[in-house]
Amino acid sequence: MSSVPKVCWDADVLITILKGDDPDRIVEELVALREAVLAFDAGRLVVVVPTTIFGEVLEPIDDEELTARFDGVLKRSNVVVQPITAEVSLLAGRVRKAVTAPAGS
């Protein structure tokens, strides 16, 4: 599995995938996510998720079927649940802030 590409999916991505849609995402994002899911399902992609994802995904999902699907995803052999240290969490916050900052700020 070492030659298989790795991507990190956060809670927003997983919720979009589990629900199958997100009205706040542009079409190109949804198409890219669907392609990534196909690669993941075929074993051509390893998904890394942070340990913080459990509460972040389960809190907004009030649906037993989606919860079961989430559990199934986490049990897949091509999913790596990565512990998050304080240092990594701070870096992730800085990256998110930089990526989501309005243009020119």
PDB file of N, CA and C in Angstrom:
ATOM      1  N   MET A   1       0.817  -1.191   0.000  1.00  0.00           N
ATOM      2  CA  MET A   1       0.000   0.000   0.000  1.00  0.00           C
ATOM      3  C   MET A   1       0.867   1.264   0.000  1.00  0.00           C
ATOM      4  N   SER A   2       2.188   1.126   0.124  1.00  0.00           N
ATOM      5  CA  SER A   2       3.042   2.301   0.215  1.00  0.00           C
ATOM      6  C   SER A   2       3.086   3.099  -1.081  1.00  0.00           C
ATOM      7  N   SER A   3       2.873   2.468  -2.232  1.00  0.00           N
ATOM      8  CA  SER A   3       2.903   3.202  -3.495  1.00  0.00           C
ATOM      9  C   SER A   3       1.549   3.823  -3.836  1.00  0.00           C
ATOM     10  N   VAL A   4       0.555   3.569  -3.031  1.00  0.00           N
ATOM     11  CA  VAL A   4      -0.784   4.116  -3.261  1.00  0.00           C
ATOM     12  C   VAL A   4      -0.813   5.550  -2.741  1.00  0.00           C
ATOM     13  N   PRO A   5      -1.343   6.478  -3.526  1.00  0.00           N
ATOM     14  CA  PRO A   5      -1.419   7.873  -3.050  1.00  0.00           C
ATOM     15  C   PRO A   5      -2.242   7.984  -1.777  1.00  0.00           C
ATOM     16  N   LYS A   6      -1.847   8.960  -0.937  1.00  0.00           N
ATOM     17  CA  LYS A   6      -2.550   9.205   0.317  1.00  0.00           C
ATOM     18  C   LYS A   6      -3.158  10.600   0.273  1.00  0.00           C
ATOM     19  N   VAL A   7      -4.382  10.712   0.788  1.00  0.00           N
ATOM     20  CA  VAL A   7      -5.034  12.004   0.941  1.00  0.00           C
ATOM     21  C   VAL A   7      -5.604  12.078   2.352  1.00  0.00           C
ATOM     22  N   CYS A   8      -5.743  13.283   2.849  1.00  0.00           N
ATOM     23  CA  CYS A   8      -6.345  13.476   4.160  1.00  0.00           C
ATOM     24  C   CYS A   8      -7.736  14.062   3.955  1.00  0.00           C
ATOM     25  N   TRP A   9      -8.733  13.382   4.497  1.00  0.00           N
ATOM     26  CA  TRP A   9     -10.104  13.874   4.432  1.00  0.00           C
ATOM     27  C   TRP A   9     -10.494  14.405   5.795  1.00  0.00           C
ATOM     28  N   ASP A  10     -11.008  15.632   5.815  1.00  0.00           N
ATOM     29  CA  ASP A  10     -11.492  16.183   7.076  1.00  0.00           C
ATOM     30  C   ASP A  10     -12.982  15.897   7.216  1.00  0.00           C
ATOM     31  N   ALA A  11     -13.572  16.389   8.298  1.00  0.00           N
ATOM     32  CA  ALA A  11     -14.987  16.115   8.579  1.00  0.00           C
ATOM     33  C   ALA A  11     -15.894  16.637   7.476  1.00  0.00           C
ATOM     34  N   ASP A  12     -15.602  17.833   6.954  1.00  0.00           N
ATOM     35  CA  ASP A  12     -16.452  18.396   5.906  1.00  0.00           C
ATOM     36  C   ASP A  12     -16.492  17.500   4.669  1.00  0.00           C
ATOM     37  N   VAL A  13     -15.342  16.983   4.297  1.00  0.00           N
ATOM     38  CA  VAL A  13     -15.276  16.101   3.123  1.00  0.00           C
ATOM     39  C   VAL A  13     -16.054  14.816   3.394  1.00  0.00           C
ATOM     40  N   LEU A  14     -15.833  14.211   4.549  1.00  0.00           N
ATOM     41  CA  LEU A  14     -16.532  12.960   4.848  1.00  0.00           C
ATOM     42  C   LEU A  14     -18.044  13.151   4.935  1.00  0.00           C
ATOM     43  N   ILE A  15     -18.491  14.239   5.517  1.00  0.00           N
ATOM     44  CA  ILE A  15     -19.933  14.487   5.598  1.00  0.00           C
ATOM     45  C   ILE A  15     -20.512  14.649   4.203  1.00  0.00           C
ATOM     46  N   THR A  16     -19.817  15.371   3.332  1.00  0.00           N
ATOM     47  CA  THR A  16     -20.278  15.527   1.951  1.00  0.00           C
ATOM     48  C   THR A  16     -20.364  14.176   1.260  1.00  0.00           C
ATOM     49  N   ILE A  17     -19.353  13.345   1.444  1.00  0.00           N
ATOM     50  CA  ILE A  17     -19.342  12.022   0.816  1.00  0.00           C
ATOM     51  C   ILE A  17     -20.473  11.155   1.369  1.00  0.00           C
ATOM     52  N   LEU A  18     -20.648  11.162   2.674  1.00  0.00           N
ATOM     53  CA  LEU A  18     -21.687  10.331   3.285  1.00  0.00           C
ATOM     54  C   LEU A  18     -23.085  10.770   2.862  1.00  0.00           C
ATOM     55  N   LYS A  19     -23.297  12.073   2.784  1.00  0.00           N
ATOM     56  CA  LYS A  19     -24.614  12.583   2.403  1.00  0.00           C
ATOM     57  C   LYS A  19     -24.827  12.561   0.897  1.00  0.00           C
ATOM     58  N   GLY A  20     -23.733  12.529   0.136  1.00  0.00           N
ATOM     59  CA  GLY A  20     -23.832  12.452  -1.316  1.00  0.00           C
ATOM     60  C   GLY A  20     -23.967  13.786  -2.015  1.00  0.00           C
ATOM     61  N   ASP A  21     -23.977  14.885  -1.259  1.00  0.00           N
ATOM     62  CA  ASP A  21     -24.116  16.195  -1.883  1.00  0.00           C
ATOM     63  C   ASP A  21     -23.809  17.274  -0.850  1.00  0.00           C
ATOM     64  N   ASP A  22     -23.547  18.464  -1.345  1.00  0.00           N
ATOM     65  CA  ASP A  22     -23.328  19.627  -0.489  1.00  0.00           C
ATOM     66  C   ASP A  22     -23.612  20.860  -1.330  1.00  0.00           C
ATOM     67  N   PRO A  23     -24.702  21.553  -1.050  1.00  0.00           N
ATOM     68  CA  PRO A  23     -25.080  22.706  -1.858  1.00  0.00           C
ATOM     69  C   PRO A  23     -24.068  23.846  -1.805  1.00  0.00           C
ATOM     70  N   ASP A  24     -23.159  23.824  -0.822  1.00  0.00           N
ATOM     71  CA  ASP A  24     -22.159  24.884  -0.710  1.00  0.00           C
ATOM     72  C   ASP A  24     -20.911  24.614  -1.548  1.00  0.00           C
ATOM     73  N   ARG A  25     -20.808  23.435  -2.126  1.00  0.00           N
ATOM     74  CA  ARG A  25     -19.636  23.094  -2.943  1.00  0.00           C
ATOM     75  C   ARG A  25     -19.940  23.334  -4.418  1.00  0.00           C
ATOM     76  N   ILE A  26     -18.919  23.782  -5.133  1.00  0.00           N
ATOM     77  CA  ILE A  26     -19.092  23.973  -6.571  1.00  0.00           C
ATOM     78  C   ILE A  26     -19.046  22.619  -7.265  1.00  0.00           C
ATOM     79  N   VAL A  27     -19.578  22.570  -8.456  1.00  0.00           N
ATOM     80  CA  VAL A  27     -19.691  21.310  -9.207  1.00  0.00           C
ATOM     81  C   VAL A  27     -18.335  20.635  -9.359  1.00  0.00           C
ATOM     82  N   GLU A  28     -17.306  21.396  -9.648  1.00  0.00           N
ATOM     83  CA  GLU A  28     -15.971  20.816  -9.846  1.00  0.00           C
ATOM     84  C   GLU A  28     -15.472  20.104  -8.587  1.00  0.00           C
ATOM     85  N   GLU A  29     -15.787  20.663  -7.421  1.00  0.00           N
ATOM     86  CA  GLU A  29     -15.405  20.000  -6.176  1.00  0.00           C
ATOM     87  C   GLU A  29     -16.123  18.671  -6.018  1.00  0.00           C
ATOM     88  N   LEU A  30     -17.418  18.664  -6.296  1.00  0.00           N
ATOM     89  CA  LEU A  30     -18.204  17.438  -6.161  1.00  0.00           C
ATOM     90  C   LEU A  30     -17.726  16.371  -7.135  1.00  0.00           C
ATOM     91  N   VAL A  31     -17.383  16.770  -8.354  1.00  0.00           N
ATOM     92  CA  VAL A  31     -16.871  15.826  -9.353  1.00  0.00           C
ATOM     93  C   VAL A  31     -15.541  15.247  -8.869  1.00  0.00           C
ATOM     94  N   ALA A  32     -14.656  16.097  -8.347  1.00  0.00           N
ATOM     95  CA  ALA A  32     -13.358  15.632  -7.844  1.00  0.00           C
ATOM     96  C   ALA A  32     -13.538  14.679  -6.667  1.00  0.00           C
ATOM     97  N   LEU A  33     -14.486  14.990  -5.783  1.00  0.00           N
ATOM     98  CA  LEU A  33     -14.748  14.096  -4.654  1.00  0.00           C
ATOM     99  C   LEU A  33     -15.274  12.749  -5.122  1.00  0.00           C
ATOM    100  N   ARG A  34     -16.161  12.765  -6.090  1.00  0.00           N
ATOM    101  CA  ARG A  34     -16.685  11.490  -6.618  1.00  0.00           C
ATOM    102  C   ARG A  34     -15.573  10.659  -7.234  1.00  0.00           C
ATOM    103  N   GLU A  35     -14.660  11.304  -7.956  1.00  0.00           N
ATOM    104  CA  GLU A  35     -13.521  10.575  -8.535  1.00  0.00           C
ATOM    105  C   GLU A  35     -12.626  10.001  -7.436  1.00  0.00           C
ATOM    106  N   ALA A  36     -12.419  10.768  -6.374  1.00  0.00           N
ATOM    107  CA  ALA A  36     -11.603  10.288  -5.255  1.00  0.00           C
ATOM    108  C   ALA A  36     -12.275   9.106  -4.571  1.00  0.00           C
ATOM    109  N   VAL A  37     -13.582   9.168  -4.411  1.00  0.00           N
ATOM    110  CA  VAL A  37     -14.321   8.060  -3.791  1.00  0.00           C
ATOM    111  C   VAL A  37     -14.204   6.801  -4.645  1.00  0.00           C
ATOM    112  N   LEU A  38     -14.298   6.942  -5.950  1.00  0.00           N
ATOM    113  CA  LEU A  38     -14.138   5.779  -6.841  1.00  0.00           C
ATOM    114  C   LEU A  38     -12.749   5.163  -6.678  1.00  0.00           C
ATOM    115  N   ALA A  39     -11.715   6.003  -6.611  1.00  0.00           N
ATOM    116  CA  ALA A  39     -10.350   5.506  -6.419  1.00  0.00           C
ATOM    117  C   ALA A  39     -10.213   4.845  -5.050  1.00  0.00           C
ATOM    118  N   PHE A  40     -10.815   5.439  -4.032  1.00  0.00           N
ATOM    119  CA  PHE A  40     -10.801   4.882  -2.679  1.00  0.00           C
ATOM    120  C   PHE A  40     -11.496   3.529  -2.655  1.00  0.00           C
ATOM    121  N   ASP A  41     -12.680   3.458  -3.263  1.00  0.00           N
ATOM    122  CA  ASP A  41     -13.428   2.197  -3.297  1.00  0.00           C
ATOM    123  C   ASP A  41     -12.669   1.097  -4.030  1.00  0.00           C
ATOM    124  N   ALA A  42     -11.885   1.481  -5.035  1.00  0.00           N
ATOM    125  CA  ALA A  42     -11.115   0.509  -5.812  1.00  0.00           C
ATOM    126  C   ALA A  42      -9.775   0.170  -5.153  1.00  0.00           C
ATOM    127  N   GLY A  43      -9.475   0.827  -4.012  1.00  0.00           N
ATOM    128  CA  GLY A  43      -8.215   0.558  -3.329  1.00  0.00           C
ATOM    129  C   GLY A  43      -7.027   1.283  -3.926  1.00  0.00           C
ATOM    130  N   ARG A  44      -7.283   2.263  -4.789  1.00  0.00           N
ATOM    131  CA  ARG A  44      -6.198   3.019  -5.419  1.00  0.00           C
ATOM    132  C   ARG A  44      -5.878   4.306  -4.671  1.00  0.00           C
ATOM    133  N   LEU A  45      -6.424   4.451  -3.482  1.00  0.00           N
ATOM    134  CA  LEU A  45      -6.227   5.660  -2.692  1.00  0.00           C
ATOM    135  C   LEU A  45      -6.304   5.291  -1.209  1.00  0.00           C
ATOM    136  N   VAL A  46      -5.372   5.788  -0.434  1.00  0.00           N
ATOM    137  CA  VAL A  46      -5.397   5.618   1.016  1.00  0.00           C
ATOM    138  C   VAL A  46      -5.899   6.929   1.606  1.00  0.00           C
ATOM    139  N   VAL A  47      -6.852   6.829   2.491  1.00  0.00           N
ATOM    140  CA  VAL A  47      -7.417   8.011   3.138  1.00  0.00           C
ATOM    141  C   VAL A  47      -6.917   8.072   4.573  1.00  0.00           C
ATOM    142  N   VAL A  48      -6.361   9.214   4.925  1.00  0.00           N
ATOM    143  CA  VAL A  48      -5.895   9.465   6.283  1.00  0.00           C
ATOM    144  C   VAL A  48      -6.902  10.407   6.926  1.00  0.00           C
ATOM    145  N   VAL A  49      -7.369  10.044   8.118  1.00  0.00           N
ATOM    146  CA  VAL A  49      -8.306  10.896   8.848  1.00  0.00           C
ATOM    147  C   VAL A  49      -7.743  11.146  10.243  1.00  0.00           C
ATOM    148  N   PRO A  50      -7.957  12.353  10.777  1.00  0.00           N
ATOM    149  CA  PRO A  50      -7.488  12.631  12.133  1.00  0.00           C
ATOM    150  C   PRO A  50      -8.425  12.027  13.171  1.00  0.00           C
ATOM    151  N   THR A  51      -7.905  11.771  14.345  1.00  0.00           N
ATOM    152  CA  THR A  51      -8.740  11.212  15.415  1.00  0.00           C
ATOM    153  C   THR A  51      -9.875  12.156  15.793  1.00  0.00           C
ATOM    154  N   THR A  52      -9.712  13.432  15.555  1.00  0.00           N
ATOM    155  CA  THR A  52     -10.757  14.406  15.890  1.00  0.00           C
ATOM    156  C   THR A  52     -12.004  14.250  15.026  1.00  0.00           C
ATOM    157  N   ILE A  53     -11.907  13.463  13.988  1.00  0.00           N
ATOM    158  CA  ILE A  53     -13.009  13.340  13.032  1.00  0.00           C
ATOM    159  C   ILE A  53     -14.250  12.676  13.627  1.00  0.00           C
ATOM    160  N   PHE A  54     -14.073  11.843  14.632  1.00  0.00           N
ATOM    161  CA  PHE A  54     -15.220  11.108  15.177  1.00  0.00           C
ATOM    162  C   PHE A  54     -16.320  12.050  15.652  1.00  0.00           C
ATOM    163  N   GLY A  55     -15.983  12.948  16.539  1.00  0.00           N
ATOM    164  CA  GLY A  55     -16.980  13.895  17.024  1.00  0.00           C
ATOM    165  C   GLY A  55     -17.432  14.873  15.964  1.00  0.00           C
ATOM    166  N   GLU A  56     -16.522  15.288  15.104  1.00  0.00           N
ATOM    167  CA  GLU A  56     -16.854  16.269  14.078  1.00  0.00           C
ATOM    168  C   GLU A  56     -17.838  15.728  13.057  1.00  0.00           C
ATOM    169  N   VAL A  57     -17.754  14.451  12.748  1.00  0.00           N
ATOM    170  CA  VAL A  57     -18.661  13.849  11.767  1.00  0.00           C
ATOM    171  C   VAL A  57     -19.951  13.398  12.434  1.00  0.00           C
ATOM    172  N   LEU A  58     -19.841  12.755  13.567  1.00  0.00           N
ATOM    173  CA  LEU A  58     -21.034  12.189  14.197  1.00  0.00           C
ATOM    174  C   LEU A  58     -21.965  13.248  14.782  1.00  0.00           C
ATOM    175  N   GLU A  59     -21.433  14.370  15.212  1.00  0.00           N
ATOM    176  CA  GLU A  59     -22.270  15.414  15.824  1.00  0.00           C
ATOM    177  C   GLU A  59     -23.315  15.955  14.842  1.00  0.00           C
ATOM    178  N   PRO A  60     -22.946  16.343  13.614  1.00  0.00           N
ATOM    179  CA  PRO A  60     -23.967  16.883  12.707  1.00  0.00           C
ATOM    180  C   PRO A  60     -24.809  15.825  11.995  1.00  0.00           C
ATOM    181  N   ILE A  61     -24.430  14.556  12.095  1.00  0.00           N
ATOM    182  CA  ILE A  61     -25.179  13.496  11.409  1.00  0.00           C
ATOM    183  C   ILE A  61     -26.105  12.824  12.416  1.00  0.00           C
ATOM    184  N   ASP A  62     -27.383  13.012  12.216  1.00  0.00           N
ATOM    185  CA  ASP A  62     -28.393  12.409  13.098  1.00  0.00           C
ATOM    186  C   ASP A  62     -29.171  11.379  12.290  1.00  0.00           C
ATOM    187  N   ASP A  63     -28.453  10.392  11.781  1.00  0.00           N
ATOM    188  CA  ASP A  63     -29.053   9.412  10.885  1.00  0.00           C
ATOM    189  C   ASP A  63     -28.301   8.104  11.083  1.00  0.00           C
ATOM    190  N   GLU A  64     -29.014   7.067  11.482  1.00  0.00           N
ATOM    191  CA  GLU A  64     -28.362   5.778  11.778  1.00  0.00           C
ATOM    192  C   GLU A  64     -27.681   5.165  10.558  1.00  0.00           C
ATOM    193  N   GLU A  65     -28.295   5.307   9.394  1.00  0.00           N
ATOM    194  CA  GLU A  65     -27.706   4.747   8.175  1.00  0.00           C
ATOM    195  C   GLU A  65     -26.378   5.433   7.845  1.00  0.00           C
ATOM    196  N   LEU A  66     -26.341   6.766   7.940  1.00  0.00           N
ATOM    197  CA  LEU A  66     -25.099   7.487   7.666  1.00  0.00           C
ATOM    198  C   LEU A  66     -24.037   7.170   8.708  1.00  0.00           C
ATOM    199  N   THR A  67     -24.449   7.013   9.958  1.00  0.00           N
ATOM    200  CA  THR A  67     -23.510   6.639  11.011  1.00  0.00           C
ATOM    201  C   THR A  67     -22.913   5.263  10.734  1.00  0.00           C
ATOM    202  N   ALA A  68     -23.733   4.330  10.296  1.00  0.00           N
ATOM    203  CA  ALA A  68     -23.245   2.987   9.951  1.00  0.00           C
ATOM    204  C   ALA A  68     -22.286   3.048   8.758  1.00  0.00           C
ATOM    205  N   ARG A  69     -22.599   3.879   7.778  1.00  0.00           N
ATOM    206  CA  ARG A  69     -21.697   4.041   6.625  1.00  0.00           C
ATOM    207  C   ARG A  69     -20.361   4.627   7.059  1.00  0.00           C
ATOM    208  N   PHE A  70     -20.404   5.612   7.968  1.00  0.00           N
ATOM    209  CA  PHE A  70     -19.179   6.218   8.502  1.00  0.00           C
ATOM    210  C   PHE A  70     -18.346   5.158   9.210  1.00  0.00           C
ATOM    211  N   ASP A  71     -18.974   4.357  10.055  1.00  0.00           N
ATOM    212  CA  ASP A  71     -18.264   3.272  10.742  1.00  0.00           C
ATOM    213  C   ASP A  71     -17.623   2.309   9.746  1.00  0.00           C
ATOM    214  N   GLY A  72     -18.356   2.005   8.674  1.00  0.00           N
ATOM    215  CA  GLY A  72     -17.832   1.111   7.647  1.00  0.00           C
ATOM    216  C   GLY A  72     -16.614   1.683   6.950  1.00  0.00           C
ATOM    217  N   VAL A  73     -16.639   2.975   6.677  1.00  0.00           N
ATOM    218  CA  VAL A  73     -15.488   3.630   6.044  1.00  0.00           C
ATOM    219  C   VAL A  73     -14.260   3.510   6.934  1.00  0.00           C
ATOM    220  N   LEU A  74     -14.439   3.755   8.216  1.00  0.00           N
ATOM    221  CA  LEU A  74     -13.301   3.731   9.142  1.00  0.00           C
ATOM    222  C   LEU A  74     -12.691   2.347   9.307  1.00  0.00           C
ATOM    223  N   LYS A  75     -13.452   1.306   9.012  1.00  0.00           N
ATOM    224  CA  LYS A  75     -12.957  -0.068   9.157  1.00  0.00           C
ATOM    225  C   LYS A  75     -12.225  -0.566   7.910  1.00  0.00           C
ATOM    226  N   ARG A  76     -12.229   0.227   6.857  1.00  0.00           N
ATOM    227  CA  ARG A  76     -11.592  -0.193   5.610  1.00  0.00           C
ATOM    228  C   ARG A  76     -10.081  -0.288   5.780  1.00  0.00           C
ATOM    229  N   SER A  77      -9.477  -1.211   5.047  1.00  0.00           N
ATOM    230  CA  SER A  77      -8.027  -1.408   5.164  1.00  0.00           C
ATOM    231  C   SER A  77      -7.235  -0.248   4.575  1.00  0.00           C
ATOM    232  N   ASN A  78      -7.864   0.572   3.734  1.00  0.00           N
ATOM    233  CA  ASN A  78      -7.145   1.705   3.146  1.00  0.00           C
ATOM    234  C   ASN A  78      -7.515   3.035   3.819  1.00  0.00           C
ATOM    235  N   VAL A  79      -7.848   2.937   5.120  1.00  0.00           N
ATOM    236  CA  VAL A  79      -8.071   4.120   5.949  1.00  0.00           C
ATOM    237  C   VAL A  79      -7.068   4.081   7.093  1.00  0.00           C
ATOM    238  N   VAL A  80      -6.420   5.209   7.316  1.00  0.00           N
ATOM    239  CA  VAL A  80      -5.480   5.344   8.426  1.00  0.00           C
ATOM    240  C   VAL A  80      -6.030   6.426   9.345  1.00  0.00           C
ATOM    241  N   VAL A  81      -6.282   6.050  10.599  1.00  0.00           N
ATOM    242  CA  VAL A  81      -6.726   7.029  11.590  1.00  0.00           C
ATOM    243  C   VAL A  81      -5.473   7.524  12.304  1.00  0.00           C
ATOM    244  N   GLN A  82      -5.194   8.809  12.137  1.00  0.00           N
ATOM    245  CA  GLN A  82      -3.956   9.396  12.634  1.00  0.00           C
ATOM    246  C   GLN A  82      -4.201  10.226  13.897  1.00  0.00           C
ATOM    247  N   PRO A  83      -3.486   9.916  14.982  1.00  0.00           N
ATOM    248  CA  PRO A  83      -3.613  10.750  16.184  1.00  0.00           C
ATOM    249  C   PRO A  83      -3.131  12.174  15.881  1.00  0.00           C
ATOM    250  N   ILE A  84      -3.788  13.135  16.473  1.00  0.00           N
ATOM    251  CA  ILE A  84      -3.437  14.531  16.248  1.00  0.00           C
ATOM    252  C   ILE A  84      -2.819  15.115  17.516  1.00  0.00           C
ATOM    253  N   THR A  85      -1.605  15.607  17.371  1.00  0.00           N
ATOM    254  CA  THR A  85      -0.929  16.267  18.485  1.00  0.00           C
ATOM    255  C   THR A  85      -1.308  17.748  18.492  1.00  0.00           C
ATOM    256  N   ALA A  86      -0.991  18.423  19.553  1.00  0.00           N
ATOM    257  CA  ALA A  86      -1.260  19.857  19.643  1.00  0.00           C
ATOM    258  C   ALA A  86      -0.531  20.613  18.536  1.00  0.00           C
ATOM    259  N   GLU A  87       0.706  20.220  18.257  1.00  0.00           N
ATOM    260  CA  GLU A  87       1.490  20.888  17.209  1.00  0.00           C
ATOM    261  C   GLU A  87       0.831  20.729  15.838  1.00  0.00           C
ATOM    262  N   VAL A  88       0.403  19.522  15.518  1.00  0.00           N
ATOM    263  CA  VAL A  88      -0.261  19.277  14.237  1.00  0.00           C
ATOM    264  C   VAL A  88      -1.574  20.040  14.168  1.00  0.00           C
ATOM    265  N   SER A  89      -2.309  20.063  15.252  1.00  0.00           N
ATOM    266  CA  SER A  89      -3.579  20.778  15.281  1.00  0.00           C
ATOM    267  C   SER A  89      -3.378  22.270  15.025  1.00  0.00           C
ATOM    268  N   LEU A  90      -2.358  22.858  15.640  1.00  0.00           N
ATOM    269  CA  LEU A  90      -2.069  24.277  15.411  1.00  0.00           C
ATOM    270  C   LEU A  90      -1.692  24.546  13.963  1.00  0.00           C
ATOM    271  N   LEU A  91      -0.855  23.679  13.398  1.00  0.00           N
ATOM    272  CA  LEU A  91      -0.469  23.840  11.994  1.00  0.00           C
ATOM    273  C   LEU A  91      -1.682  23.713  11.069  1.00  0.00           C
ATOM    274  N   ALA A  92      -2.545  22.760  11.351  1.00  0.00           N
ATOM    275  CA  ALA A  92      -3.747  22.587  10.535  1.00  0.00           C
ATOM    276  C   ALA A  92      -4.632  23.827  10.609  1.00  0.00           C
ATOM    277  N   GLY A  93      -4.758  24.400  11.795  1.00  0.00           N
ATOM    278  CA  GLY A  93      -5.541  25.618  11.948  1.00  0.00           C
ATOM    279  C   GLY A  93      -4.962  26.769  11.147  1.00  0.00           C
ATOM    280  N   ARG A  94      -3.656  26.881  11.126  1.00  0.00           N
ATOM    281  CA  ARG A  94      -3.007  27.948  10.344  1.00  0.00           C
ATOM    282  C   ARG A  94      -3.212  27.737   8.845  1.00  0.00           C
ATOM    283  N   VAL A  95      -3.106  26.503   8.417  1.00  0.00           N
ATOM    284  CA  VAL A  95      -3.327  26.209   6.995  1.00  0.00           C
ATOM    285  C   VAL A  95      -4.768  26.530   6.616  1.00  0.00           C
ATOM    286  N   ARG A  96      -5.719  26.082   7.430  1.00  0.00           N
ATOM    287  CA  ARG A  96      -7.135  26.341   7.147  1.00  0.00           C
ATOM    288  C   ARG A  96      -7.413  27.839   7.085  1.00  0.00           C
ATOM    289  N   LYS A  97      -6.828  28.580   8.030  1.00  0.00           N
ATOM    290  CA  LYS A  97      -7.031  30.027   8.063  1.00  0.00           C
ATOM    291  C   LYS A  97      -6.464  30.671   6.794  1.00  0.00           C
ATOM    292  N   ALA A  98      -5.283  30.230   6.380  1.00  0.00           N
ATOM    293  CA  ALA A  98      -4.676  30.800   5.179  1.00  0.00           C
ATOM    294  C   ALA A  98      -5.476  30.468   3.922  1.00  0.00           C
ATOM    295  N   VAL A  99      -5.997  29.268   3.853  1.00  0.00           N
ATOM    296  CA  VAL A  99      -6.734  28.828   2.675  1.00  0.00           C
ATOM    297  C   VAL A  99      -8.106  29.486   2.597  1.00  0.00           C
ATOM    298  N   THR A 100      -8.718  29.745   3.731  1.00  0.00           N
ATOM    299  CA  THR A 100     -10.072  30.294   3.732  1.00  0.00           C
ATOM    300  C   THR A 100     -10.113  31.816   3.871  1.00  0.00           C
ATOM    301  N   ALA A 101      -8.944  32.443   3.998  1.00  0.00           N
ATOM    302  CA  ALA A 101      -8.903  33.896   4.131  1.00  0.00           C
ATOM    303  C   ALA A 101      -9.379  34.553   2.842  1.00  0.00           C
ATOM    304  N   PRO A 102     -10.113  35.652   2.944  1.00  0.00           N
ATOM    305  CA  PRO A 102     -10.550  36.370   1.749  1.00  0.00           C
ATOM    306  C   PRO A 102      -9.342  36.835   0.924  1.00  0.00           C
ATOM    307  N   ALA A 103      -9.520  36.883  -0.382  1.00  0.00           N
ATOM    308  CA  ALA A 103      -8.445  37.302  -1.273  1.00  0.00           C
ATOM    309  C   ALA A 103      -7.980  38.703  -0.907  1.00  0.00           C
ATOM    310  N   GLY A 104      -6.663  38.903  -0.910  1.00  0.00           N
ATOM    311  CA  GLY A 104      -6.096  40.202  -0.630  1.00  0.00           C
ATOM    312  C   GLY A 104      -5.896  40.505   0.838  1.00  0.00           C
ATOM    313  N   SER A 105      -6.202  39.539   1.712  1.00  0.00           N
ATOM    314  CA  SER A 105      -6.028  39.826   3.146  1.00  0.00           C
ATOM    315  C   SER A 105      -4.712  39.299   3.666  1.00  0.00           C
TER     316      SER A 105
END
